[in-house]
Amino acid sequence: MTDNRDQGLETRRKQLEAELAGVRKQAADEQGSERRAEESRKGYAMAMKLSSEFIAAIVVGAILGYLFDHFVGTAPWGMIILLLLGFCAGVLNVLRSAGLVAKPHPSDRQPGHK
């Protein structure tokens, strides 16, 4: 009777190990797919950040140029120049955010530093 019971327990243990191995494999697959989805979301967030920084710089340049032209009366030159400066600032911001251009070192900003 004891041998029959031990054999039944051993059979049950092997079944449980097989089921547990299947569950672990499924959990690992889900974790891998979640990791890929998270990387995709990070890429989308970075793209939205870069595009919004670029567009914001252009819009700010255009608005400042319009206001400059309106108050000084130099239409359309203020808007053209500040729009181009906004475009350049947007490109520089995107390159900095992407890591292609280094940000200035804080010690370079001190007056009298050469």
PDB file of N, CA and C in Angstrom:
ATOM      1  N   MET A   1       0.823  -1.190   0.000  1.00  0.00           N
ATOM      2  CA  MET A   1       0.000   0.000   0.000  1.00  0.00           C
ATOM      3  C   MET A   1       0.868   1.256   0.000  1.00  0.00           C
ATOM      4  N   THR A   2       1.948   1.201   0.759  1.00  0.00           N
ATOM      5  CA  THR A   2       2.833   2.348   0.839  1.00  0.00           C
ATOM      6  C   THR A   2       3.504   2.591  -0.498  1.00  0.00           C
ATOM      7  N   ASP A   3       3.891   1.511  -1.182  1.00  0.00           N
ATOM      8  CA  ASP A   3       4.524   1.669  -2.488  1.00  0.00           C
ATOM      9  C   ASP A   3       3.550   2.266  -3.495  1.00  0.00           C
ATOM     10  N   ASN A   4       2.304   1.839  -3.443  1.00  0.00           N
ATOM     11  CA  ASN A   4       1.276   2.358  -4.348  1.00  0.00           C
ATOM     12  C   ASN A   4       1.043   3.847  -4.087  1.00  0.00           C
ATOM     13  N   ARG A   5       1.014   4.198  -2.809  1.00  0.00           N
ATOM     14  CA  ARG A   5       0.807   5.600  -2.441  1.00  0.00           C
ATOM     15  C   ARG A   5       2.004   6.451  -2.872  1.00  0.00           C
ATOM     16  N   ASP A   6       3.231   5.954  -2.635  1.00  0.00           N
ATOM     17  CA  ASP A   6       4.440   6.683  -3.043  1.00  0.00           C
ATOM     18  C   ASP A   6       4.490   6.840  -4.557  1.00  0.00           C
ATOM     19  N   GLN A   7       4.084   5.792  -5.253  1.00  0.00           N
ATOM     20  CA  GLN A   7       4.085   5.857  -6.719  1.00  0.00           C
ATOM     21  C   GLN A   7       3.054   6.889  -7.204  1.00  0.00           C
ATOM     22  N   GLY A   8       1.895   6.944  -6.567  1.00  0.00           N
ATOM     23  CA  GLY A   8       0.876   7.935  -6.916  1.00  0.00           C
ATOM     24  C   GLY A   8       1.346   9.354  -6.639  1.00  0.00           C
ATOM     25  N   LEU A   9       2.027   9.530  -5.509  1.00  0.00           N
ATOM     26  CA  LEU A   9       2.556  10.855  -5.174  1.00  0.00           C
ATOM     27  C   LEU A   9       3.647  11.262  -6.165  1.00  0.00           C
ATOM     28  N   GLU A  10       4.498  10.315  -6.546  1.00  0.00           N
ATOM     29  CA  GLU A  10       5.563  10.604  -7.504  1.00  0.00           C
ATOM     30  C   GLU A  10       4.979  10.972  -8.866  1.00  0.00           C
ATOM     31  N   THR A  11       3.925  10.269  -9.269  1.00  0.00           N
ATOM     32  CA  THR A  11       3.257  10.587 -10.536  1.00  0.00           C
ATOM     33  C   THR A  11       2.641  11.979 -10.474  1.00  0.00           C
ATOM     34  N   ARG A  12       2.010  12.285  -9.389  1.00  0.00           N
ATOM     35  CA  ARG A  12       1.392  13.610  -9.217  1.00  0.00           C
ATOM     36  C   ARG A  12       2.444  14.714  -9.201  1.00  0.00           C
ATOM     37  N   ARG A  13       3.597  14.448  -8.545  1.00  0.00           N
ATOM     38  CA  ARG A  13       4.680  15.426  -8.503  1.00  0.00           C
ATOM     39  C   ARG A  13       5.218  15.700  -9.911  1.00  0.00           C
ATOM     40  N   LYS A  14       5.371  14.665 -10.710  1.00  0.00           N
ATOM     41  CA  LYS A  14       5.858  14.841 -12.082  1.00  0.00           C
ATOM     42  C   LYS A  14       4.860  15.640 -12.926  1.00  0.00           C
ATOM     43  N   GLN A  15       3.567  15.371 -12.722  1.00  0.00           N
ATOM     44  CA  GLN A  15       2.538  16.137 -13.441  1.00  0.00           C
ATOM     45  C   GLN A  15       2.589  17.620 -13.050  1.00  0.00           C
ATOM     46  N   LEU A  16       2.724  17.858 -11.754  1.00  0.00           N
ATOM     47  CA  LEU A  16       2.784  19.243 -11.282  1.00  0.00           C
ATOM     48  C   LEU A  16       4.039  19.953 -11.795  1.00  0.00           C
ATOM     49  N   GLU A  17       5.172  19.249 -11.843  1.00  0.00           N
ATOM     50  CA  GLU A  17       6.398  19.846 -12.383  1.00  0.00           C
ATOM     51  C   GLU A  17       6.230  20.203 -13.857  1.00  0.00           C
ATOM     52  N   ALA A  18       5.557  19.325 -14.614  1.00  0.00           N
ATOM     53  CA  ALA A  18       5.330  19.602 -16.036  1.00  0.00           C
ATOM     54  C   ALA A  18       4.416  20.812 -16.205  1.00  0.00           C
ATOM     55  N   GLU A  19       3.368  20.890 -15.404  1.00  0.00           N
ATOM     56  CA  GLU A  19       2.462  22.038 -15.480  1.00  0.00           C
ATOM     57  C   GLU A  19       3.168  23.324 -15.074  1.00  0.00           C
ATOM     58  N   LEU A  20       3.980  23.239 -14.030  1.00  0.00           N
ATOM     59  CA  LEU A  20       4.723  24.403 -13.559  1.00  0.00           C
ATOM     60  C   LEU A  20       5.728  24.872 -14.615  1.00  0.00           C
ATOM     61  N   ALA A  21       6.374  23.953 -15.287  1.00  0.00           N
ATOM     62  CA  ALA A  21       7.310  24.317 -16.351  1.00  0.00           C
ATOM     63  C   ALA A  21       6.567  25.028 -17.477  1.00  0.00           C
ATOM     64  N   GLY A  22       5.372  24.569 -17.818  1.00  0.00           N
ATOM     65  CA  GLY A  22       4.570  25.231 -18.846  1.00  0.00           C
ATOM     66  C   GLY A  22       4.160  26.639 -18.438  1.00  0.00           C
ATOM     67  N   VAL A  23       3.766  26.791 -17.193  1.00  0.00           N
ATOM     68  CA  VAL A  23       3.370  28.109 -16.692  1.00  0.00           C
ATOM     69  C   VAL A  23       4.569  29.056 -16.674  1.00  0.00           C
ATOM     70  N   ARG A  24       5.730  28.551 -16.270  1.00  0.00           N
ATOM     71  CA  ARG A  24       6.934  29.385 -16.250  1.00  0.00           C
ATOM     72  C   ARG A  24       7.317  29.822 -17.660  1.00  0.00           C
ATOM     73  N   LYS A  25       7.217  28.910 -18.625  1.00  0.00           N
ATOM     74  CA  LYS A  25       7.537  29.251 -20.007  1.00  0.00           C
ATOM     75  C   LYS A  25       6.574  30.314 -20.528  1.00  0.00           C
ATOM     76  N   GLN A  26       5.299  30.159 -20.219  1.00  0.00           N
ATOM     77  CA  GLN A  26       4.303  31.134 -20.652  1.00  0.00           C
ATOM     78  C   GLN A  26       4.566  32.494 -19.999  1.00  0.00           C
ATOM     79  N   ALA A  27       4.934  32.515 -18.734  1.00  0.00           N
ATOM     80  CA  ALA A  27       5.234  33.778 -18.040  1.00  0.00           C
ATOM     81  C   ALA A  27       6.464  34.443 -18.652  1.00  0.00           C
ATOM     82  N   ALA A  28       7.466  33.659 -19.016  1.00  0.00           N
ATOM     83  CA  ALA A  28       8.664  34.222 -19.639  1.00  0.00           C
ATOM     84  C   ALA A  28       8.328  34.815 -21.009  1.00  0.00           C
ATOM     85  N   ASP A  29       7.465  34.145 -21.771  1.00  0.00           N
ATOM     86  CA  ASP A  29       7.048  34.670 -23.073  1.00  0.00           C
ATOM     87  C   ASP A  29       6.287  35.983 -22.921  1.00  0.00           C
ATOM     88  N   GLU A  30       5.390  36.045 -21.953  1.00  0.00           N
ATOM     89  CA  GLU A  30       4.631  37.271 -21.708  1.00  0.00           C
ATOM     90  C   GLU A  30       5.547  38.408 -21.258  1.00  0.00           C
ATOM     91  N   GLN A  31       6.538  38.072 -20.446  1.00  0.00           N
ATOM     92  CA  GLN A  31       7.473  39.095 -19.981  1.00  0.00           C
ATOM     93  C   GLN A  31       8.297  39.632 -21.142  1.00  0.00           C
ATOM     94  N   GLY A  32       8.699  38.764 -22.057  1.00  0.00           N
ATOM     95  CA  GLY A  32       9.447  39.203 -23.233  1.00  0.00           C
ATOM     96  C   GLY A  32       8.613  40.104 -24.130  1.00  0.00           C
ATOM     97  N   SER A  33       7.354  39.746 -24.335  1.00  0.00           N
ATOM     98  CA  SER A  33       6.494  40.588 -25.170  1.00  0.00           C
ATOM     99  C   SER A  33       6.200  41.918 -24.491  1.00  0.00           C
ATOM    100  N   GLU A  34       6.086  41.927 -23.179  1.00  0.00           N
ATOM    101  CA  GLU A  34       5.863  43.178 -22.443  1.00  0.00           C
ATOM    102  C   GLU A  34       7.095  44.072 -22.541  1.00  0.00           C
ATOM    103  N   ARG A  35       8.273  43.476 -22.501  1.00  0.00           N
ATOM    104  CA  ARG A  35       9.511  44.249 -22.621  1.00  0.00           C
ATOM    105  C   ARG A  35       9.596  44.899 -24.004  1.00  0.00           C
ATOM    106  N   ARG A  36       9.237  44.150 -25.055  1.00  0.00           N
ATOM    107  CA  ARG A  36       9.254  44.714 -26.404  1.00  0.00           C
ATOM    108  C   ARG A  36       8.222  45.832 -26.544  1.00  0.00           C
ATOM    109  N   ALA A  37       7.061  45.661 -25.944  1.00  0.00           N
ATOM    110  CA  ALA A  37       6.029  46.696 -26.002  1.00  0.00           C
ATOM    111  C   ALA A  37       6.475  47.951 -25.255  1.00  0.00           C
ATOM    112  N   GLU A  38       7.178  47.773 -24.143  1.00  0.00           N
ATOM    113  CA  GLU A  38       7.659  48.927 -23.378  1.00  0.00           C
ATOM    114  C   GLU A  38       8.719  49.689 -24.174  1.00  0.00           C
ATOM    115  N   GLU A  39       9.593  48.982 -24.863  1.00  0.00           N
ATOM    116  CA  GLU A  39      10.591  49.649 -25.705  1.00  0.00           C
ATOM    117  C   GLU A  39       9.918  50.424 -26.829  1.00  0.00           C
ATOM    118  N   SER A  40       8.856  49.866 -27.374  1.00  0.00           N
ATOM    119  CA  SER A  40       8.115  50.546 -28.432  1.00  0.00           C
ATOM    120  C   SER A  40       7.461  51.818 -27.895  1.00  0.00           C
ATOM    121  N   ARG A  41       6.896  51.746 -26.697  1.00  0.00           N
ATOM    122  CA  ARG A  41       6.284  52.930 -26.093  1.00  0.00           C
ATOM    123  C   ARG A  41       7.331  54.001 -25.805  1.00  0.00           C
ATOM    124  N   LYS A  42       8.505  53.591 -25.370  1.00  0.00           N
ATOM    125  CA  LYS A  42       9.565  54.565 -25.108  1.00  0.00           C
ATOM    126  C   LYS A  42       9.983  55.268 -26.392  1.00  0.00           C
ATOM    127  N   GLY A  43      10.064  54.525 -27.477  1.00  0.00           N
ATOM    128  CA  GLY A  43      10.416  55.128 -28.759  1.00  0.00           C
ATOM    129  C   GLY A  43       9.358  56.110 -29.220  1.00  0.00           C
ATOM    130  N   TYR A  44       8.089  55.755 -29.033  1.00  0.00           N
ATOM    131  CA  TYR A  44       7.001  56.646 -29.416  1.00  0.00           C
ATOM    132  C   TYR A  44       7.025  57.917 -28.567  1.00  0.00           C
ATOM    133  N   ALA A  45       7.289  57.767 -27.277  1.00  0.00           N
ATOM    134  CA  ALA A  45       7.360  58.938 -26.387  1.00  0.00           C
ATOM    135  C   ALA A  45       8.513  59.851 -26.787  1.00  0.00           C
ATOM    136  N   MET A  46       9.645  59.264 -27.148  1.00  0.00           N
ATOM    137  CA  MET A  46      10.793  60.076 -27.571  1.00  0.00           C
ATOM    138  C   MET A  46      10.466  60.806 -28.876  1.00  0.00           C
ATOM    139  N   ALA A  47       9.800  60.145 -29.798  1.00  0.00           N
ATOM    140  CA  ALA A  47       9.430  60.792 -31.059  1.00  0.00           C
ATOM    141  C   ALA A  47       8.471  61.954 -30.817  1.00  0.00           C
ATOM    142  N   MET A  48       7.508  61.769 -29.925  1.00  0.00           N
ATOM    143  CA  MET A  48       6.573  62.849 -29.614  1.00  0.00           C
ATOM    144  C   MET A  48       7.302  64.023 -28.945  1.00  0.00           C
ATOM    145  N   LYS A  49       8.241  63.725 -28.064  1.00  0.00           N
ATOM    146  CA  LYS A  49       8.999  64.772 -27.388  1.00  0.00           C
ATOM    147  C   LYS A  49       9.822  65.573 -28.393  1.00  0.00           C
ATOM    148  N   LEU A  50      10.532  64.879 -29.265  1.00  0.00           N
ATOM    149  CA  LEU A  50      11.380  65.565 -30.237  1.00  0.00           C
ATOM    150  C   LEU A  50      10.555  66.412 -31.201  1.00  0.00           C
ATOM    151  N   SER A  51       9.448  65.856 -31.680  1.00  0.00           N
ATOM    152  CA  SER A  51       8.636  66.618 -32.629  1.00  0.00           C
ATOM    153  C   SER A  51       7.973  67.822 -31.965  1.00  0.00           C
ATOM    154  N   SER A  52       7.537  67.671 -30.721  1.00  0.00           N
ATOM    155  CA  SER A  52       6.908  68.811 -30.048  1.00  0.00           C
ATOM    156  C   SER A  52       7.927  69.903 -29.744  1.00  0.00           C
ATOM    157  N   GLU A  53       9.153  69.524 -29.377  1.00  0.00           N
ATOM    158  CA  GLU A  53      10.188  70.538 -29.146  1.00  0.00           C
ATOM    159  C   GLU A  53      10.510  71.285 -30.436  1.00  0.00           C
ATOM    160  N   PHE A  54      10.586  70.578 -31.527  1.00  0.00           N
ATOM    161  CA  PHE A  54      10.905  71.194 -32.809  1.00  0.00           C
ATOM    162  C   PHE A  54       9.808  72.165 -33.237  1.00  0.00           C
ATOM    163  N   ILE A  55       8.565  71.720 -33.170  1.00  0.00           N
ATOM    164  CA  ILE A  55       7.437  72.555 -33.587  1.00  0.00           C
ATOM    165  C   ILE A  55       7.288  73.762 -32.656  1.00  0.00           C
ATOM    166  N   ALA A  56       7.495  73.551 -31.352  1.00  0.00           N
ATOM    167  CA  ALA A  56       7.365  74.659 -30.400  1.00  0.00           C
ATOM    168  C   ALA A  56       8.392  75.749 -30.679  1.00  0.00           C
ATOM    169  N   ALA A  57       9.611  75.366 -31.007  1.00  0.00           N
ATOM    170  CA  ALA A  57      10.641  76.366 -31.294  1.00  0.00           C
ATOM    171  C   ALA A  57      10.276  77.181 -32.528  1.00  0.00           C
ATOM    172  N   ILE A  58       9.743  76.536 -33.546  1.00  0.00           N
ATOM    173  CA  ILE A  58       9.345  77.250 -34.760  1.00  0.00           C
ATOM    174  C   ILE A  58       8.181  78.193 -34.476  1.00  0.00           C
ATOM    175  N   VAL A  59       7.200  77.713 -33.729  1.00  0.00           N
ATOM    176  CA  VAL A  59       6.024  78.538 -33.417  1.00  0.00           C
ATOM    177  C   VAL A  59       6.425  79.742 -32.567  1.00  0.00           C
ATOM    178  N   VAL A  60       7.281  79.540 -31.593  1.00  0.00           N
ATOM    179  CA  VAL A  60       7.726  80.656 -30.752  1.00  0.00           C
ATOM    180  C   VAL A  60       8.480  81.677 -31.590  1.00  0.00           C
ATOM    181  N   GLY A  61       9.342  81.208 -32.493  1.00  0.00           N
ATOM    182  CA  GLY A  61      10.059  82.130 -33.377  1.00  0.00           C
ATOM    183  C   GLY A  61       9.110  82.922 -34.251  1.00  0.00           C
ATOM    184  N   ALA A  62       8.086  82.264 -34.787  1.00  0.00           N
ATOM    185  CA  ALA A  62       7.118  82.959 -35.642  1.00  0.00           C
ATOM    186  C   ALA A  62       6.320  83.993 -34.850  1.00  0.00           C
ATOM    187  N   ILE A  63       5.893  83.629 -33.652  1.00  0.00           N
ATOM    188  CA  ILE A  63       5.113  84.563 -32.833  1.00  0.00           C
ATOM    189  C   ILE A  63       5.961  85.773 -32.423  1.00  0.00           C
ATOM    190  N   LEU A  64       7.184  85.519 -32.000  1.00  0.00           N
ATOM    191  CA  LEU A  64       8.058  86.636 -31.627  1.00  0.00           C
ATOM    192  C   LEU A  64       8.352  87.526 -32.834  1.00  0.00           C
ATOM    193  N   GLY A  65       8.535  86.926 -34.003  1.00  0.00           N
ATOM    194  CA  GLY A  65       8.765  87.709 -35.210  1.00  0.00           C
ATOM    195  C   GLY A  65       7.557  88.552 -35.577  1.00  0.00           C
ATOM    196  N   TYR A  66       6.377  87.975 -35.444  1.00  0.00           N
ATOM    197  CA  TYR A  66       5.151  88.724 -35.734  1.00  0.00           C
ATOM    198  C   TYR A  66       5.000  89.910 -34.783  1.00  0.00           C
ATOM    199  N   LEU A  67       5.221  89.640 -33.495  1.00  0.00           N
ATOM    200  CA  LEU A  67       5.113  90.718 -32.510  1.00  0.00           C
ATOM    201  C   LEU A  67       6.166  91.792 -32.751  1.00  0.00           C
ATOM    202  N   PHE A  68       7.372  91.387 -33.085  1.00  0.00           N
ATOM    203  CA  PHE A  68       8.431  92.350 -33.388  1.00  0.00           C
ATOM    204  C   PHE A  68       8.045  93.218 -34.576  1.00  0.00           C
ATOM    205  N   ASP A  69       7.537  92.590 -35.636  1.00  0.00           N
ATOM    206  CA  ASP A  69       7.107  93.340 -36.818  1.00  0.00           C
ATOM    207  C   ASP A  69       5.941  94.270 -36.497  1.00  0.00           C
ATOM    208  N   HIS A  70       5.022  93.805 -35.676  1.00  0.00           N
ATOM    209  CA  HIS A  70       3.838  94.588 -35.347  1.00  0.00           C
ATOM    210  C   HIS A  70       4.215  95.858 -34.582  1.00  0.00           C
ATOM    211  N   PHE A  71       5.125  95.744 -33.617  1.00  0.00           N
ATOM    212  CA  PHE A  71       5.463  96.901 -32.790  1.00  0.00           C
ATOM    213  C   PHE A  71       6.542  97.785 -33.407  1.00  0.00           C
ATOM    214  N   VAL A  72       7.440  97.210 -34.184  1.00  0.00           N
ATOM    215  CA  VAL A  72       8.530  97.997 -34.752  1.00  0.00           C
ATOM    216  C   VAL A  72       8.200  98.439 -36.173  1.00  0.00           C
ATOM    217  N   GLY A  73       7.385  97.685 -36.877  1.00  0.00           N
ATOM    218  CA  GLY A  73       6.980  98.040 -38.231  1.00  0.00           C
ATOM    219  C   GLY A  73       7.986  97.622 -39.291  1.00  0.00           C
ATOM    220  N   THR A  74       8.644  96.518 -39.091  1.00  0.00           N
ATOM    221  CA  THR A  74       9.646  96.053 -40.052  1.00  0.00           C
ATOM    222  C   THR A  74       9.148  94.876 -40.879  1.00  0.00           C
ATOM    223  N   ALA A  75       7.852  94.768 -41.048  1.00  0.00           N
ATOM    224  CA  ALA A  75       7.267  93.601 -41.724  1.00  0.00           C
ATOM    225  C   ALA A  75       7.887  93.408 -43.097  1.00  0.00           C
ATOM    226  N   PRO A  76       8.136  92.243 -43.517  1.00  0.00           N
ATOM    227  CA  PRO A  76       8.082  90.898 -42.934  1.00  0.00           C
ATOM    228  C   PRO A  76       9.426  90.429 -42.412  1.00  0.00           C
ATOM    229  N   TRP A  77      10.420  91.324 -42.313  1.00  0.00           N
ATOM    230  CA  TRP A  77      11.782  90.900 -42.012  1.00  0.00           C
ATOM    231  C   TRP A  77      11.937  90.329 -40.606  1.00  0.00           C
ATOM    232  N   GLY A  78      11.308  90.888 -39.626  1.00  0.00           N
ATOM    233  CA  GLY A  78      11.417  90.362 -38.266  1.00  0.00           C
ATOM    234  C   GLY A  78      10.885  88.949 -38.171  1.00  0.00           C
ATOM    235  N   MET A  79       9.754  88.721 -38.825  1.00  0.00           N
ATOM    236  CA  MET A  79       9.170  87.385 -38.784  1.00  0.00           C
ATOM    237  C   MET A  79      10.043  86.388 -39.534  1.00  0.00           C
ATOM    238  N   ILE A  80      10.584  86.776 -40.662  1.00  0.00           N
ATOM    239  CA  ILE A  80      11.433  85.861 -41.432  1.00  0.00           C
ATOM    240  C   ILE A  80      12.674  85.481 -40.631  1.00  0.00           C
ATOM    241  N   ILE A  81      13.335  86.481 -40.069  1.00  0.00           N
ATOM    242  CA  ILE A  81      14.577  86.220 -39.334  1.00  0.00           C
ATOM    243  C   ILE A  81      14.308  85.398 -38.078  1.00  0.00           C
ATOM    244  N   LEU A  82      13.307  85.783 -37.301  1.00  0.00           N
ATOM    245  CA  LEU A  82      13.026  85.040 -36.069  1.00  0.00           C
ATOM    246  C   LEU A  82      12.436  83.662 -36.348  1.00  0.00           C
ATOM    247  N   LEU A  83      11.739  83.494 -37.459  1.00  0.00           N
ATOM    248  CA  LEU A  83      11.257  82.167 -37.845  1.00  0.00           C
ATOM    249  C   LEU A  83      12.438  81.258 -38.171  1.00  0.00           C
ATOM    250  N   LEU A  84      13.409  81.788 -38.892  1.00  0.00           N
ATOM    251  CA  LEU A  84      14.615  80.999 -39.194  1.00  0.00           C
ATOM    252  C   LEU A  84      15.412  80.689 -37.926  1.00  0.00           C
ATOM    253  N   LEU A  85      15.508  81.662 -37.028  1.00  0.00           N
ATOM    254  CA  LEU A  85      16.187  81.407 -35.757  1.00  0.00           C
ATOM    255  C   LEU A  85      15.443  80.350 -34.934  1.00  0.00           C
ATOM    256  N   GLY A  86      14.114  80.392 -34.966  1.00  0.00           N
ATOM    257  CA  GLY A  86      13.315  79.368 -34.282  1.00  0.00           C
ATOM    258  C   GLY A  86      13.538  77.987 -34.885  1.00  0.00           C
ATOM    259  N   PHE A  87      13.650  77.940 -36.211  1.00  0.00           N
ATOM    260  CA  PHE A  87      13.933  76.677 -36.880  1.00  0.00           C
ATOM    261  C   PHE A  87      15.299  76.140 -36.446  1.00  0.00           C
ATOM    262  N   CYS A  88      16.297  77.005 -36.421  1.00  0.00           N
ATOM    263  CA  CYS A  88      17.643  76.587 -35.994  1.00  0.00           C
ATOM    264  C   CYS A  88      17.639  76.129 -34.534  1.00  0.00           C
ATOM    265  N   ALA A  89      16.930  76.851 -33.696  1.00  0.00           N
ATOM    266  CA  ALA A  89      16.841  76.456 -32.289  1.00  0.00           C
ATOM    267  C   ALA A  89      16.138  75.111 -32.144  1.00  0.00           C
ATOM    268  N   GLY A  90      15.107  74.877 -32.951  1.00  0.00           N
ATOM    269  CA  GLY A  90      14.411  73.594 -32.915  1.00  0.00           C
ATOM    270  C   GLY A  90      15.305  72.452 -33.340  1.00  0.00           C
ATOM    271  N   VAL A  91      16.080  72.659 -34.396  1.00  0.00           N
ATOM    272  CA  VAL A  91      17.008  71.618 -34.851  1.00  0.00           C
ATOM    273  C   VAL A  91      18.056  71.346 -33.776  1.00  0.00           C
ATOM    274  N   LEU A  92      18.587  72.394 -33.169  1.00  0.00           N
ATOM    275  CA  LEU A  92      19.585  72.226 -32.107  1.00  0.00           C
ATOM    276  C   LEU A  92      18.993  71.476 -30.907  1.00  0.00           C
ATOM    277  N   ASN A  93      17.767  71.804 -30.517  1.00  0.00           N
ATOM    278  CA  ASN A  93      17.115  71.096 -29.407  1.00  0.00           C
ATOM    279  C   ASN A  93      16.925  69.617 -29.722  1.00  0.00           C
ATOM    280  N   VAL A  94      16.524  69.313 -30.942  1.00  0.00           N
ATOM    281  CA  VAL A  94      16.324  67.917 -31.329  1.00  0.00           C
ATOM    282  C   VAL A  94      17.657  67.173 -31.308  1.00  0.00           C
ATOM    283  N   LEU A  95      18.697  67.788 -31.830  1.00  0.00           N
ATOM    284  CA  LEU A  95      20.007  67.140 -31.827  1.00  0.00           C
ATOM    285  C   LEU A  95      20.530  66.937 -30.408  1.00  0.00           C
ATOM    286  N   ARG A  96      20.289  67.895 -29.533  1.00  0.00           N
ATOM    287  CA  ARG A  96      20.699  67.739 -28.130  1.00  0.00           C
ATOM    288  C   ARG A  96      19.916  66.625 -27.453  1.00  0.00           C
ATOM    289  N   SER A  97      18.619  66.576 -27.673  1.00  0.00           N
ATOM    290  CA  SER A  97      17.791  65.543 -27.048  1.00  0.00           C
ATOM    291  C   SER A  97      18.150  64.161 -27.562  1.00  0.00           C
ATOM    292  N   ALA A  98      18.510  64.080 -28.831  1.00  0.00           N
ATOM    293  CA  ALA A  98      18.883  62.795 -29.414  1.00  0.00           C
ATOM    294  C   ALA A  98      20.292  62.384 -29.015  1.00  0.00           C
ATOM    295  N   GLY A  99      21.046  63.296 -28.412  1.00  0.00           N
ATOM    296  CA  GLY A  99      22.383  62.975 -27.957  1.00  0.00           C
ATOM    297  C   GLY A  99      23.446  63.127 -29.021  1.00  0.00           C
ATOM    298  N   LEU A 100      23.134  63.788 -30.121  1.00  0.00           N
ATOM    299  CA  LEU A 100      24.104  63.970 -31.192  1.00  0.00           C
ATOM    300  C   LEU A 100      24.971  65.204 -30.991  1.00  0.00           C
ATOM    301  N   VAL A 101      24.499  66.141 -30.173  1.00  0.00           N
ATOM    302  CA  VAL A 101      25.253  67.354 -29.859  1.00  0.00           C
ATOM    303  C   VAL A 101      25.345  67.434 -28.348  1.00  0.00           C
ATOM    304  N   ALA A 102      26.528  67.673 -27.847  1.00  0.00           N
ATOM    305  CA  ALA A 102      26.716  67.747 -26.401  1.00  0.00           C
ATOM    306  C   ALA A 102      26.158  69.056 -25.857  1.00  0.00           C
ATOM    307  N   LYS A 103      25.601  68.986 -24.674  1.00  0.00           N
ATOM    308  CA  LYS A 103      25.124  70.192 -24.001  1.00  0.00           C
ATOM    309  C   LYS A 103      26.336  70.957 -23.472  1.00  0.00           C
ATOM    310  N   PRO A 104      26.256  72.275 -23.416  1.00  0.00           N
ATOM    311  CA  PRO A 104      27.405  73.042 -22.917  1.00  0.00           C
ATOM    312  C   PRO A 104      27.688  72.717 -21.457  1.00  0.00           C
ATOM    313  N   HIS A 105      28.949  72.668 -21.129  1.00  0.00           N
ATOM    314  CA  HIS A 105      29.365  72.381 -19.754  1.00  0.00           C
ATOM    315  C   HIS A 105      29.075  73.601 -18.882  1.00  0.00           C
ATOM    316  N   PRO A 106      28.598  73.416 -17.649  1.00  0.00           N
ATOM    317  CA  PRO A 106      28.256  74.563 -16.800  1.00  0.00           C
ATOM    318  C   PRO A 106      29.436  75.511 -16.547  1.00  0.00           C
ATOM    319  N   SER A 107      30.642  74.997 -16.512  1.00  0.00           N
ATOM    320  CA  SER A 107      31.787  75.884 -16.275  1.00  0.00           C
ATOM    321  C   SER A 107      32.046  76.789 -17.472  1.00  0.00           C
ATOM    322  N   ASP A 108      31.563  76.425 -18.650  1.00  0.00           N
ATOM    323  CA  ASP A 108      31.717  77.278 -19.833  1.00  0.00           C
ATOM    324  C   ASP A 108      30.807  78.494 -19.791  1.00  0.00           C
ATOM    325  N   ARG A 109      29.813  78.477 -18.936  1.00  0.00           N
ATOM    326  CA  ARG A 109      28.853  79.575 -18.859  1.00  0.00           C
ATOM    327  C   ARG A 109      29.290  80.668 -17.896  1.00  0.00           C
ATOM    328  N   GLN A 110      30.329  80.441 -17.129  1.00  0.00           N
ATOM    329  CA  GLN A 110      30.774  81.429 -16.159  1.00  0.00           C
ATOM    330  C   GLN A 110      31.430  82.596 -16.874  1.00  0.00           C
ATOM    331  N   PRO A 111      31.151  83.809 -16.412  1.00  0.00           N
ATOM    332  CA  PRO A 111      31.773  84.980 -17.047  1.00  0.00           C
ATOM    333  C   PRO A 111      33.288  84.971 -16.845  1.00  0.00           C
ATOM    334  N   GLY A 112      34.019  85.368 -17.867  1.00  0.00           N
ATOM    335  CA  GLY A 112      35.451  85.446 -17.790  1.00  0.00           C
ATOM    336  C   GLY A 112      36.162  84.127 -17.994  1.00  0.00           C
ATOM    337  N   HIS A 113      35.424  83.055 -18.292  1.00  0.00           N
ATOM    338  CA  HIS A 113      36.039  81.749 -18.510  1.00  0.00           C
ATOM    339  C   HIS A 113      36.480  81.631 -19.950  1.00  0.00           C
ATOM    340  N   LYS A 114      37.710  81.212 -20.166  1.00  0.00           N
ATOM    341  CA  LYS A 114      38.217  81.069 -21.545  1.00  0.00           C
ATOM    342  C   LYS A 114      38.673  79.684 -21.807  1.00  0.00           C
TER     343      LYS A 114
END
